[in-house]
Amino acid sequence: MGKIKSLFKTKWFWGISITVLVLFISMFGIHNVGYSKGQDSLTAEINEEALNYEQIQEKVGEAEQILADFNNEIETAESDLKTIEDKVAKNQDKFDELQKLASNRDELQNEVSVAESELTGLQSDIKVTENKLAKLEGDLVAAKEKPIEVGAGQFVFGEDIKPGRYKVTPIGRGSNFSVWDADGGLVLSTILGDGGVPSYVFVGSSGYKVKNAVPVKLTPVE
């Protein structure tokens, strides 16, 4: 409608309107003043051009045709505008649906980003846990390796034997087995093998002494 309204502001539109108005005024003046001189001799001056009655009629007809064409253009423009408005109304629901889908897509993308971030964190935690587990398994294997066999006698942890936690078992028949602390206090006294226990777990700290009457095997344990 803005284009249609702007037509009323153009110079040619007002030129046509003024021309038509002048023609009607001229025709009215000619009819009242010079009718007695005969229609063939009637003249009027329009846009500084002398015109007789027939020429005036021709100009009027041209102006009316221009006006009719202008009205047709207005009707066509209004019809086109109505068609566009109808199409917009019909597609409004589709447009609203598309906007909703676009909004949902943004929300889903945000959820995916959050899930990916959480997954990355979980993968990192899993990696750390696997490393810890591998280390623990390695320590456990290392602890199970290389049992120590000692003969009958006295041995000092930190000098003859590495301090640690051990399981002692007899080699051959059993006998008494005892452990003393650095100050000479009795920490452990038991019988291994025949008449006693098959094995015993103890902690040998630095400075502790082992006394056994027969060979024994010391196996590091966790």
C-alpha atoms as a PDB file:
ATOM      1  CA  MET A   1       0.000   0.000   0.000  1.00  0.00           C
ATOM      2  CA  GLY A   2       3.000   2.309   0.486  1.00  0.00           C
ATOM      3  CA  LYS A   3       3.743   2.187  -3.240  1.00  0.00           C
ATOM      4  CA  ILE A   4       0.106   2.990  -4.083  1.00  0.00           C
ATOM      5  CA  LYS A   5       0.042   5.964  -1.742  1.00  0.00           C
ATOM      6  CA  SER A   6       3.306   7.261  -3.158  1.00  0.00           C
ATOM      7  CA  LEU A   7       1.698   7.478  -6.600  1.00  0.00           C
ATOM      8  CA  PHE A   8      -0.487  10.312  -5.361  1.00  0.00           C
ATOM      9  CA  LYS A   9       2.663  12.306  -4.592  1.00  0.00           C
ATOM     10  CA  THR A  10       4.153  12.159  -8.134  1.00  0.00           C
ATOM     11  CA  LYS A  11       4.245  15.214 -10.411  1.00  0.00           C
ATOM     12  CA  TRP A  12       2.637  13.475 -13.383  1.00  0.00           C
ATOM     13  CA  PHE A  13      -0.387  12.488 -11.326  1.00  0.00           C
ATOM     14  CA  TRP A  14      -1.033  16.058 -10.262  1.00  0.00           C
ATOM     15  CA  GLY A  15      -0.269  17.261 -13.790  1.00  0.00           C
ATOM     16  CA  ILE A  16      -2.995  15.027 -15.195  1.00  0.00           C
ATOM     17  CA  SER A  17      -5.431  16.116 -12.491  1.00  0.00           C
ATOM     18  CA  ILE A  18      -4.792  19.827 -13.154  1.00  0.00           C
ATOM     19  CA  THR A  19      -5.046  19.285 -16.909  1.00  0.00           C
ATOM     20  CA  VAL A  20      -8.423  17.590 -16.575  1.00  0.00           C
ATOM     21  CA  LEU A  21      -9.631  20.393 -14.306  1.00  0.00           C
ATOM     22  CA  VAL A  22      -8.485  23.075 -16.761  1.00  0.00           C
ATOM     23  CA  LEU A  23     -10.149  21.239 -19.631  1.00  0.00           C
ATOM     24  CA  PHE A  24     -13.483  21.164 -17.851  1.00  0.00           C
ATOM     25  CA  ILE A  25     -13.206  24.853 -16.913  1.00  0.00           C
ATOM     26  CA  SER A  26     -12.235  25.740 -20.468  1.00  0.00           C
ATOM     27  CA  MET A  27     -15.089  23.742 -21.896  1.00  0.00           C
ATOM     28  CA  PHE A  28     -17.496  25.456 -19.544  1.00  0.00           C
ATOM     29  CA  GLY A  29     -16.143  28.902 -20.520  1.00  0.00           C
ATOM     30  CA  ILE A  30     -16.279  28.122 -24.215  1.00  0.00           C
ATOM     31  CA  HIS A  31     -19.858  26.935 -23.954  1.00  0.00           C
ATOM     32  CA  ASN A  32     -21.065  30.092 -22.177  1.00  0.00           C
ATOM     33  CA  VAL A  33     -18.964  32.791 -23.900  1.00  0.00           C
ATOM     34  CA  GLY A  34     -18.260  31.744 -27.473  1.00  0.00           C
ATOM     35  CA  TYR A  35     -21.008  29.290 -28.348  1.00  0.00           C
ATOM     36  CA  SER A  36     -22.647  31.863 -30.709  1.00  0.00           C
ATOM     37  CA  LYS A  37     -19.549  31.941 -32.930  1.00  0.00           C
ATOM     38  CA  GLY A  38     -19.984  28.263 -33.818  1.00  0.00           C
ATOM     39  CA  GLN A  39     -18.278  25.182 -32.512  1.00  0.00           C
ATOM     40  CA  ASP A  40     -15.753  25.091 -35.363  1.00  0.00           C
ATOM     41  CA  SER A  41     -14.356  28.485 -34.359  1.00  0.00           C
ATOM     42  CA  LEU A  42     -14.167  27.745 -30.607  1.00  0.00           C
ATOM     43  CA  THR A  43     -10.638  27.687 -29.174  1.00  0.00           C
ATOM     44  CA  ALA A  44      -9.035  27.421 -25.766  1.00  0.00           C
ATOM     45  CA  GLU A  45      -5.491  27.891 -24.632  1.00  0.00           C
ATOM     46  CA  ILE A  46      -4.160  24.941 -22.625  1.00  0.00           C
ATOM     47  CA  ASN A  47      -0.475  24.706 -21.622  1.00  0.00           C
ATOM     48  CA  GLU A  48       0.149  27.727 -23.933  1.00  0.00           C
ATOM     49  CA  GLU A  49      -1.311  25.766 -26.896  1.00  0.00           C
ATOM     50  CA  ALA A  50      -4.400  26.975 -28.808  1.00  0.00           C
ATOM     51  CA  LEU A  51      -6.906  24.106 -29.168  1.00  0.00           C
ATOM     52  CA  ASN A  52     -10.349  23.957 -30.828  1.00  0.00           C
ATOM     53  CA  TYR A  53     -13.277  22.021 -29.395  1.00  0.00           C
ATOM     54  CA  GLU A  54     -12.446  18.713 -31.094  1.00  0.00           C
ATOM     55  CA  GLN A  55      -8.848  18.878 -29.948  1.00  0.00           C
ATOM     56  CA  ILE A  56     -10.023  19.619 -26.435  1.00  0.00           C
ATOM     57  CA  GLN A  57     -12.309  16.594 -26.582  1.00  0.00           C
ATOM     58  CA  GLU A  58      -9.352  14.489 -27.735  1.00  0.00           C
ATOM     59  CA  LYS A  59      -7.212  15.732 -24.842  1.00  0.00           C
ATOM     60  CA  VAL A  60      -9.998  14.952 -22.410  1.00  0.00           C
ATOM     61  CA  GLY A  61     -10.253  11.439 -23.794  1.00  0.00           C
ATOM     62  CA  GLU A  62      -6.503  10.909 -23.445  1.00  0.00           C
ATOM     63  CA  ALA A  63      -6.609  12.168 -19.872  1.00  0.00           C
ATOM     64  CA  GLU A  64      -9.530   9.897 -19.059  1.00  0.00           C
ATOM     65  CA  GLN A  65      -7.666   6.914 -20.553  1.00  0.00           C
ATOM     66  CA  ILE A  66      -4.595   7.690 -18.459  1.00  0.00           C
ATOM     67  CA  LEU A  67      -6.773   7.925 -15.388  1.00  0.00           C
ATOM     68  CA  ALA A  68      -8.455   4.615 -16.249  1.00  0.00           C
ATOM     69  CA  ASP A  69      -5.066   2.947 -16.741  1.00  0.00           C
ATOM     70  CA  PHE A  70      -3.935   4.372 -13.422  1.00  0.00           C
ATOM     71  CA  ASN A  71      -7.029   2.956 -11.682  1.00  0.00           C
ATOM     72  CA  ASN A  72      -6.350  -0.429 -13.279  1.00  0.00           C
ATOM     73  CA  GLU A  73      -2.804  -0.387 -11.936  1.00  0.00           C
ATOM     74  CA  ILE A  74      -4.128   0.428  -8.483  1.00  0.00           C
ATOM     75  CA  GLU A  75      -6.594  -2.475  -8.646  1.00  0.00           C
ATOM     76  CA  THR A  76      -3.871  -4.841  -9.869  1.00  0.00           C
ATOM     77  CA  ALA A  77      -1.509  -3.746  -7.092  1.00  0.00           C
ATOM     78  CA  GLU A  78      -4.242  -4.200  -4.475  1.00  0.00           C
ATOM     79  CA  SER A  79      -5.023  -7.656  -5.873  1.00  0.00           C
ATOM     80  CA  ASP A  80      -1.344  -8.657  -5.739  1.00  0.00           C
ATOM     81  CA  LEU A  81      -1.096  -7.374  -2.196  1.00  0.00           C
ATOM     82  CA  LYS A  82      -4.155  -9.390  -1.175  1.00  0.00           C
ATOM     83  CA  THR A  83      -2.631 -12.521  -2.739  1.00  0.00           C
ATOM     84  CA  ILE A  84       0.624 -11.999  -0.816  1.00  0.00           C
ATOM     85  CA  GLU A  85      -1.224 -11.423   2.447  1.00  0.00           C
ATOM     86  CA  ASP A  86      -3.211 -14.652   1.901  1.00  0.00           C
ATOM     87  CA  LYS A  87      -0.007 -16.606   1.280  1.00  0.00           C
ATOM     88  CA  VAL A  88       1.580 -15.147   4.403  1.00  0.00           C
ATOM     89  CA  ALA A  89      -1.465 -16.108   6.480  1.00  0.00           C
ATOM     90  CA  LYS A  90      -1.467 -19.668   5.093  1.00  0.00           C
ATOM     91  CA  ASN A  91       2.228 -20.151   5.804  1.00  0.00           C
ATOM     92  CA  GLN A  92       2.244 -18.541   9.251  1.00  0.00           C
ATOM     93  CA  ASP A  93       1.604 -21.883  10.980  1.00  0.00           C
ATOM     94  CA  LYS A  94       4.485 -23.483   9.079  1.00  0.00           C
ATOM     95  CA  PHE A  95       6.714 -20.562   9.963  1.00  0.00           C
ATOM     96  CA  ASP A  96       5.817 -20.855  13.657  1.00  0.00           C
ATOM     97  CA  GLU A  97       6.530 -24.588  13.568  1.00  0.00           C
ATOM     98  CA  LEU A  98       9.910 -24.017  11.950  1.00  0.00           C
ATOM     99  CA  GLN A  99      10.777 -21.465  14.617  1.00  0.00           C
ATOM    100  CA  LYS A 100       9.862 -23.990  17.305  1.00  0.00           C
ATOM    101  CA  LEU A 101      12.006 -26.667  15.662  1.00  0.00           C
ATOM    102  CA  ALA A 102      14.922 -24.235  15.463  1.00  0.00           C
ATOM    103  CA  SER A 103      14.540 -23.474  19.166  1.00  0.00           C
ATOM    104  CA  ASN A 104      14.413 -27.188  20.035  1.00  0.00           C
ATOM    105  CA  ARG A 105      17.503 -27.782  17.914  1.00  0.00           C
ATOM    106  CA  ASP A 106      19.444 -25.195  19.901  1.00  0.00           C
ATOM    107  CA  GLU A 107      18.374 -26.830  23.166  1.00  0.00           C
ATOM    108  CA  LEU A 108      19.408 -30.275  21.896  1.00  0.00           C
ATOM    109  CA  GLN A 109      22.781 -28.933  20.801  1.00  0.00           C
ATOM    110  CA  ASN A 110      23.334 -27.536  24.297  1.00  0.00           C
ATOM    111  CA  GLU A 111      22.406 -30.891  25.847  1.00  0.00           C
ATOM    112  CA  VAL A 112      24.773 -32.707  23.489  1.00  0.00           C
ATOM    113  CA  SER A 113      27.585 -30.317  24.427  1.00  0.00           C
ATOM    114  CA  VAL A 114      26.963 -30.930  28.142  1.00  0.00           C
ATOM    115  CA  ALA A 115      26.858 -34.712  27.597  1.00  0.00           C
ATOM    116  CA  GLU A 116      30.099 -34.618  25.607  1.00  0.00           C
ATOM    117  CA  SER A 117      31.774 -32.623  28.371  1.00  0.00           C
ATOM    118  CA  GLU A 118      30.587 -35.122  30.998  1.00  0.00           C
ATOM    119  CA  LEU A 119      31.773 -38.022  28.837  1.00  0.00           C
ATOM    120  CA  THR A 120      35.212 -36.447  28.507  1.00  0.00           C
ATOM    121  CA  GLY A 121      35.386 -36.093  32.282  1.00  0.00           C
ATOM    122  CA  LEU A 122      34.333 -39.729  32.812  1.00  0.00           C
ATOM    123  CA  GLN A 123      36.907 -40.949  30.297  1.00  0.00           C
ATOM    124  CA  SER A 124      39.581 -39.006  32.155  1.00  0.00           C
ATOM    125  CA  ASP A 125      38.462 -40.528  35.473  1.00  0.00           C
ATOM    126  CA  ILE A 126      38.518 -44.002  33.934  1.00  0.00           C
ATOM    127  CA  LYS A 127      42.048 -43.439  32.666  1.00  0.00           C
ATOM    128  CA  VAL A 128      43.247 -42.323  36.093  1.00  0.00           C
ATOM    129  CA  THR A 129      41.569 -45.321  37.736  1.00  0.00           C
ATOM    130  CA  GLU A 130      43.107 -47.706  35.200  1.00  0.00           C
ATOM    131  CA  ASN A 131      46.552 -46.264  35.879  1.00  0.00           C
ATOM    132  CA  LYS A 132      46.061 -46.678  39.625  1.00  0.00           C
ATOM    133  CA  LEU A 133      44.835 -50.236  39.140  1.00  0.00           C
ATOM    134  CA  ALA A 134      47.795 -51.084  36.928  1.00  0.00           C
ATOM    135  CA  LYS A 135      50.160 -49.710  39.562  1.00  0.00           C
ATOM    136  CA  LEU A 136      48.453 -51.671  42.323  1.00  0.00           C
ATOM    137  CA  GLU A 137      48.553 -54.845  40.247  1.00  0.00           C
ATOM    138  CA  GLY A 138      52.223 -54.231  39.526  1.00  0.00           C
ATOM    139  CA  ASP A 139      52.950 -53.718  43.213  1.00  0.00           C
ATOM    140  CA  LEU A 140      51.059 -56.894  44.050  1.00  0.00           C
ATOM    141  CA  VAL A 141      53.013 -58.906  41.506  1.00  0.00           C
ATOM    142  CA  ALA A 142      56.262 -57.420  42.766  1.00  0.00           C
ATOM    143  CA  ALA A 143      55.300 -58.344  46.316  1.00  0.00           C
ATOM    144  CA  LYS A 144      54.698 -61.960  45.312  1.00  0.00           C
ATOM    145  CA  GLU A 145      58.092 -62.310  43.649  1.00  0.00           C
ATOM    146  CA  LYS A 146      61.316 -63.720  45.039  1.00  0.00           C
ATOM    147  CA  PRO A 147      60.572 -65.401  48.358  1.00  0.00           C
ATOM    148  CA  ILE A 148      63.523 -65.372  50.763  1.00  0.00           C
ATOM    149  CA  GLU A 149      64.935 -68.599  52.210  1.00  0.00           C
ATOM    150  CA  VAL A 150      66.941 -68.291  55.360  1.00  0.00           C
ATOM    151  CA  GLY A 151      68.670 -71.059  57.259  1.00  0.00           C
ATOM    152  CA  ALA A 152      68.608 -71.761  60.942  1.00  0.00           C
ATOM    153  CA  GLY A 153      70.000 -68.880  62.959  1.00  0.00           C
ATOM    154  CA  GLN A 154      69.448 -65.217  63.758  1.00  0.00           C
ATOM    155  CA  PHE A 155      68.835 -62.496  61.122  1.00  0.00           C
ATOM    156  CA  VAL A 156      68.278 -58.741  61.430  1.00  0.00           C
ATOM    157  CA  PHE A 157      65.707 -56.788  59.377  1.00  0.00           C
ATOM    158  CA  GLY A 158      67.372 -53.857  57.706  1.00  0.00           C
ATOM    159  CA  GLU A 159      70.732 -55.695  57.546  1.00  0.00           C
ATOM    160  CA  ASP A 160      70.113 -59.290  56.454  1.00  0.00           C
ATOM    161  CA  ILE A 161      66.490 -59.017  55.416  1.00  0.00           C
ATOM    162  CA  LYS A 162      64.606 -56.148  53.866  1.00  0.00           C
ATOM    163  CA  PRO A 163      62.006 -54.763  56.294  1.00  0.00           C
ATOM    164  CA  GLY A 164      58.425 -55.523  55.330  1.00  0.00           C
ATOM    165  CA  ARG A 165      55.451 -57.771  55.792  1.00  0.00           C
ATOM    166  CA  TYR A 166      56.120 -61.462  55.316  1.00  0.00           C
ATOM    167  CA  LYS A 167      54.503 -64.859  55.481  1.00  0.00           C
ATOM    168  CA  VAL A 168      56.822 -67.391  57.061  1.00  0.00           C
ATOM    169  CA  THR A 169      56.562 -71.122  56.248  1.00  0.00           C
ATOM    170  CA  PRO A 170      58.850 -73.959  57.344  1.00  0.00           C
ATOM    171  CA  ILE A 171      61.184 -75.761  54.963  1.00  0.00           C
ATOM    172  CA  GLY A 172      61.039 -79.437  55.906  1.00  0.00           C
ATOM    173  CA  ARG A 173      59.904 -80.217  59.374  1.00  0.00           C
ATOM    174  CA  GLY A 174      58.744 -77.450  61.632  1.00  0.00           C
ATOM    175  CA  SER A 175      60.288 -75.815  64.652  1.00  0.00           C
ATOM    176  CA  ASN A 176      60.052 -72.769  66.882  1.00  0.00           C
ATOM    177  CA  PHE A 177      60.041 -69.346  65.184  1.00  0.00           C
ATOM    178  CA  SER A 178      60.407 -66.077  67.068  1.00  0.00           C
ATOM    179  CA  VAL A 179      60.815 -62.377  66.331  1.00  0.00           C
ATOM    180  CA  TRP A 180      62.381 -59.786  68.676  1.00  0.00           C
ATOM    181  CA  ASP A 181      62.264 -56.001  68.437  1.00  0.00           C
ATOM    182  CA  ALA A 182      65.317 -53.733  68.425  1.00  0.00           C
ATOM    183  CA  ASP A 183      65.177 -53.383  72.210  1.00  0.00           C
ATOM    184  CA  GLY A 184      65.163 -57.159  72.746  1.00  0.00           C
ATOM    185  CA  GLY A 185      61.458 -57.442  73.451  1.00  0.00           C
ATOM    186  CA  LEU A 186      59.635 -60.539  72.203  1.00  0.00           C
ATOM    187  CA  VAL A 187      57.259 -59.707  69.343  1.00  0.00           C
ATOM    188  CA  LEU A 188      56.354 -63.151  68.043  1.00  0.00           C
ATOM    189  CA  SER A 189      56.835 -66.755  69.159  1.00  0.00           C
ATOM    190  CA  THR A 190      55.138 -69.654  67.407  1.00  0.00           C
ATOM    191  CA  ILE A 191      55.674 -73.217  66.224  1.00  0.00           C
ATOM    192  CA  LEU A 192      55.746 -73.784  62.474  1.00  0.00           C
ATOM    193  CA  GLY A 193      54.950 -77.102  60.834  1.00  0.00           C
ATOM    194  CA  ASP A 194      54.551 -80.250  62.927  1.00  0.00           C
ATOM    195  CA  GLY A 195      52.618 -79.525  66.092  1.00  0.00           C
ATOM    196  CA  GLY A 196      52.071 -75.900  65.081  1.00  0.00           C
ATOM    197  CA  VAL A 197      50.721 -73.698  62.282  1.00  0.00           C
ATOM    198  CA  PRO A 198      51.574 -74.200  58.597  1.00  0.00           C
ATOM    199  CA  SER A 199      52.431 -70.495  58.175  1.00  0.00           C
ATOM    200  CA  TYR A 200      52.377 -67.165  59.951  1.00  0.00           C
ATOM    201  CA  VAL A 201      52.201 -63.550  58.699  1.00  0.00           C
ATOM    202  CA  PHE A 202      54.117 -60.855  60.552  1.00  0.00           C
ATOM    203  CA  VAL A 203      55.774 -57.476  60.090  1.00  0.00           C
ATOM    204  CA  GLY A 204      59.540 -57.248  60.286  1.00  0.00           C
ATOM    205  CA  SER A 205      60.513 -53.658  61.028  1.00  0.00           C
ATOM    206  CA  SER A 206      64.036 -52.348  60.771  1.00  0.00           C
ATOM    207  CA  GLY A 207      66.125 -53.607  63.717  1.00  0.00           C
ATOM    208  CA  TYR A 208      63.870 -56.597  64.398  1.00  0.00           C
ATOM    209  CA  LYS A 209      65.618 -59.997  64.789  1.00  0.00           C
ATOM    210  CA  VAL A 210      64.447 -63.400  63.546  1.00  0.00           C
ATOM    211  CA  LYS A 211      65.422 -66.562  65.473  1.00  0.00           C
ATOM    212  CA  ASN A 212      64.642 -69.968  63.999  1.00  0.00           C
ATOM    213  CA  ALA A 213      65.998 -73.453  64.595  1.00  0.00           C
ATOM    214  CA  VAL A 214      65.396 -74.765  61.047  1.00  0.00           C
ATOM    215  CA  PRO A 215      65.376 -73.150  57.570  1.00  0.00           C
ATOM    216  CA  VAL A 216      62.268 -71.130  56.727  1.00  0.00           C
ATOM    217  CA  LYS A 217      60.904 -69.285  53.686  1.00  0.00           C
ATOM    218  CA  LEU A 218      59.856 -65.660  53.947  1.00  0.00           C
ATOM    219  CA  THR A 219      57.368 -64.585  51.227  1.00  0.00           C
ATOM    220  CA  PRO A 220      56.663 -60.823  50.855  1.00  0.00           C
ATOM    221  CA  VAL A 221      52.942 -60.055  51.066  1.00  0.00           C
ATOM    222  CA  GLU A 222      50.777 -56.929  50.918  1.00  0.00           C
END
